[in-house]
Amino acid sequence: MRGKFYHANATLNLPVYLDAEVQAYLSAIASKKGVQLSELANDLLKREIGIIEAVK
């Protein structure tokens, strides 16, 4: 039996903590581009994943 708050298809978004200098650097770039920090970080990570997958 599952708990009363269990939902089979629920997704959990975990927080990601950046080093202070990384956050400051990326925040400055995001600000210049007019995007949210999370959007910039996700784009960078997706590109990195693409590179990793390409060399497999």
N, C-alpha and C. Protein backbone atom coordinates (compact mmCIF):
# COMPACT_ATOMS: atom_id res chain seq x y z
N MET A 1 0.84 -1.18 0.00
CA MET A 1 0.00 0.00 0.00
C MET A 1 0.89 1.25 0.00
N ARG A 2 0.52 2.23 -0.77
CA ARG A 2 1.26 3.49 -0.88
C ARG A 2 0.66 4.52 0.06
N GLY A 3 1.46 5.57 0.35
CA GLY A 3 0.97 6.64 1.19
C GLY A 3 -0.12 7.44 0.51
N LYS A 4 -0.86 8.22 1.27
CA LYS A 4 -1.99 8.96 0.70
C LYS A 4 -1.56 10.06 -0.27
N PHE A 5 -0.29 10.46 -0.25
CA PHE A 5 0.19 11.50 -1.16
C PHE A 5 0.91 10.93 -2.38
N TYR A 6 0.93 9.62 -2.53
CA TYR A 6 1.60 8.96 -3.65
C TYR A 6 0.85 9.24 -4.95
N HIS A 7 1.60 9.61 -5.98
CA HIS A 7 1.06 9.78 -7.33
C HIS A 7 2.03 9.07 -8.28
N ALA A 8 1.53 8.10 -9.00
CA ALA A 8 2.37 7.24 -9.84
C ALA A 8 3.20 8.02 -10.86
N ASN A 9 2.65 9.04 -11.46
CA ASN A 9 3.34 9.77 -12.53
C ASN A 9 3.94 11.10 -12.08
N ALA A 10 4.06 11.29 -10.80
CA ALA A 10 4.60 12.55 -10.27
C ALA A 10 6.10 12.64 -10.57
N THR A 11 6.56 13.84 -10.87
CA THR A 11 7.98 14.07 -11.06
C THR A 11 8.48 14.95 -9.92
N LEU A 12 9.73 14.74 -9.57
CA LEU A 12 10.33 15.49 -8.49
C LEU A 12 11.48 16.31 -9.06
N ASN A 13 11.43 17.62 -8.90
CA ASN A 13 12.49 18.50 -9.36
C ASN A 13 13.42 18.79 -8.19
N LEU A 14 14.61 18.23 -8.26
CA LEU A 14 15.58 18.41 -7.19
C LEU A 14 16.33 19.73 -7.37
N PRO A 15 16.62 20.41 -6.28
CA PRO A 15 17.41 21.64 -6.39
C PRO A 15 18.86 21.31 -6.75
N VAL A 16 19.47 22.19 -7.50
CA VAL A 16 20.88 22.04 -7.85
C VAL A 16 21.60 23.26 -7.27
N TYR A 17 22.67 23.01 -6.53
CA TYR A 17 23.40 24.09 -5.89
C TYR A 17 24.71 24.32 -6.63
N LEU A 18 24.92 25.55 -7.07
CA LEU A 18 26.13 25.92 -7.79
C LEU A 18 27.13 26.56 -6.83
N ASP A 19 28.42 26.39 -7.14
CA ASP A 19 29.44 27.12 -6.40
C ASP A 19 29.18 28.61 -6.60
N ALA A 20 29.53 29.41 -5.61
CA ALA A 20 29.25 30.84 -5.66
C ALA A 20 29.85 31.51 -6.89
N GLU A 21 31.10 31.15 -7.23
CA GLU A 21 31.73 31.79 -8.39
C GLU A 21 31.09 31.34 -9.70
N VAL A 22 30.65 30.09 -9.77
CA VAL A 22 29.96 29.60 -10.98
C VAL A 22 28.62 30.32 -11.12
N GLN A 23 27.91 30.43 -10.02
CA GLN A 23 26.61 31.10 -10.06
C GLN A 23 26.76 32.57 -10.47
N ALA A 24 27.75 33.25 -9.93
CA ALA A 24 27.96 34.66 -10.27
C ALA A 24 28.29 34.80 -11.75
N TYR A 25 29.16 33.92 -12.25
CA TYR A 25 29.55 33.98 -13.67
C TYR A 25 28.35 33.72 -14.58
N LEU A 26 27.61 32.66 -14.30
CA LEU A 26 26.46 32.32 -15.14
C LEU A 26 25.34 33.35 -15.00
N SER A 27 25.17 33.91 -13.81
CA SER A 27 24.15 34.94 -13.61
C SER A 27 24.44 36.17 -14.45
N ALA A 28 25.71 36.53 -14.54
CA ALA A 28 26.09 37.69 -15.35
C ALA A 28 25.79 37.43 -16.83
N ILE A 29 26.10 36.23 -17.32
CA ILE A 29 25.82 35.88 -18.71
C ILE A 29 24.31 35.87 -18.96
N ALA A 30 23.56 35.25 -18.04
CA ALA A 30 22.10 35.18 -18.19
C ALA A 30 21.50 36.58 -18.22
N SER A 31 22.01 37.45 -17.37
CA SER A 31 21.50 38.82 -17.33
C SER A 31 21.75 39.55 -18.65
N LYS A 32 22.95 39.38 -19.20
CA LYS A 32 23.28 40.00 -20.48
C LYS A 32 22.40 39.49 -21.60
N LYS A 33 22.06 38.19 -21.54
CA LYS A 33 21.23 37.58 -22.58
C LYS A 33 19.74 37.80 -22.34
N GLY A 34 19.39 38.26 -21.15
CA GLY A 34 17.98 38.48 -20.83
C GLY A 34 17.21 37.19 -20.60
N VAL A 35 17.89 36.17 -20.05
CA VAL A 35 17.24 34.89 -19.76
C VAL A 35 17.42 34.55 -18.28
N GLN A 36 16.64 33.62 -17.81
CA GLN A 36 16.75 33.15 -16.44
C GLN A 36 18.01 32.30 -16.29
N LEU A 37 18.59 32.31 -15.11
CA LEU A 37 19.77 31.51 -14.82
C LEU A 37 19.50 30.03 -15.09
N SER A 38 18.34 29.54 -14.68
CA SER A 38 18.01 28.13 -14.88
C SER A 38 17.95 27.77 -16.36
N GLU A 39 17.44 28.67 -17.18
CA GLU A 39 17.37 28.43 -18.63
C GLU A 39 18.78 28.34 -19.22
N LEU A 40 19.65 29.26 -18.84
CA LEU A 40 21.02 29.25 -19.32
C LEU A 40 21.74 27.98 -18.87
N ALA A 41 21.60 27.62 -17.60
CA ALA A 41 22.27 26.43 -17.07
C ALA A 41 21.77 25.17 -17.77
N ASN A 42 20.47 25.07 -18.01
CA ASN A 42 19.93 23.91 -18.72
C ASN A 42 20.45 23.84 -20.15
N ASP A 43 20.52 24.97 -20.84
CA ASP A 43 21.05 24.99 -22.20
C ASP A 43 22.51 24.54 -22.22
N LEU A 44 23.31 25.03 -21.30
CA LEU A 44 24.71 24.62 -21.23
C LEU A 44 24.85 23.13 -20.95
N LEU A 45 24.06 22.63 -20.02
CA LEU A 45 24.12 21.21 -19.69
C LEU A 45 23.64 20.33 -20.84
N LYS A 46 22.61 20.76 -21.55
CA LYS A 46 22.13 20.00 -22.71
C LYS A 46 23.21 19.93 -23.79
N ARG A 47 23.92 21.04 -24.02
CA ARG A 47 25.01 21.03 -24.99
C ARG A 47 26.12 20.08 -24.56
N GLU A 48 26.44 20.11 -23.28
CA GLU A 48 27.48 19.23 -22.74
C GLU A 48 27.06 17.76 -22.88
N ILE A 49 25.80 17.46 -22.62
CA ILE A 49 25.30 16.10 -22.79
C ILE A 49 25.40 15.68 -24.25
N GLY A 50 25.09 16.58 -25.17
CA GLY A 50 25.21 16.30 -26.59
C GLY A 50 26.65 15.95 -26.98
N ILE A 51 27.59 16.69 -26.43
CA ILE A 51 29.01 16.43 -26.71
C ILE A 51 29.41 15.06 -26.15
N ILE A 52 28.99 14.76 -24.94
CA ILE A 52 29.31 13.47 -24.32
C ILE A 52 28.73 12.33 -25.14
N GLU A 53 27.49 12.48 -25.56
CA GLU A 53 26.85 11.43 -26.35
C GLU A 53 27.49 11.26 -27.71
N ALA A 54 27.98 12.34 -28.29
CA ALA A 54 28.59 12.29 -29.61
C ALA A 54 29.92 11.52 -29.61
N VAL A 55 30.63 11.52 -28.49
CA VAL A 55 31.92 10.84 -28.44
C VAL A 55 31.82 9.42 -27.89
N LYS A 56 30.63 8.96 -27.58
CA LYS A 56 30.47 7.58 -27.08
C LYS A 56 30.71 6.59 -28.19
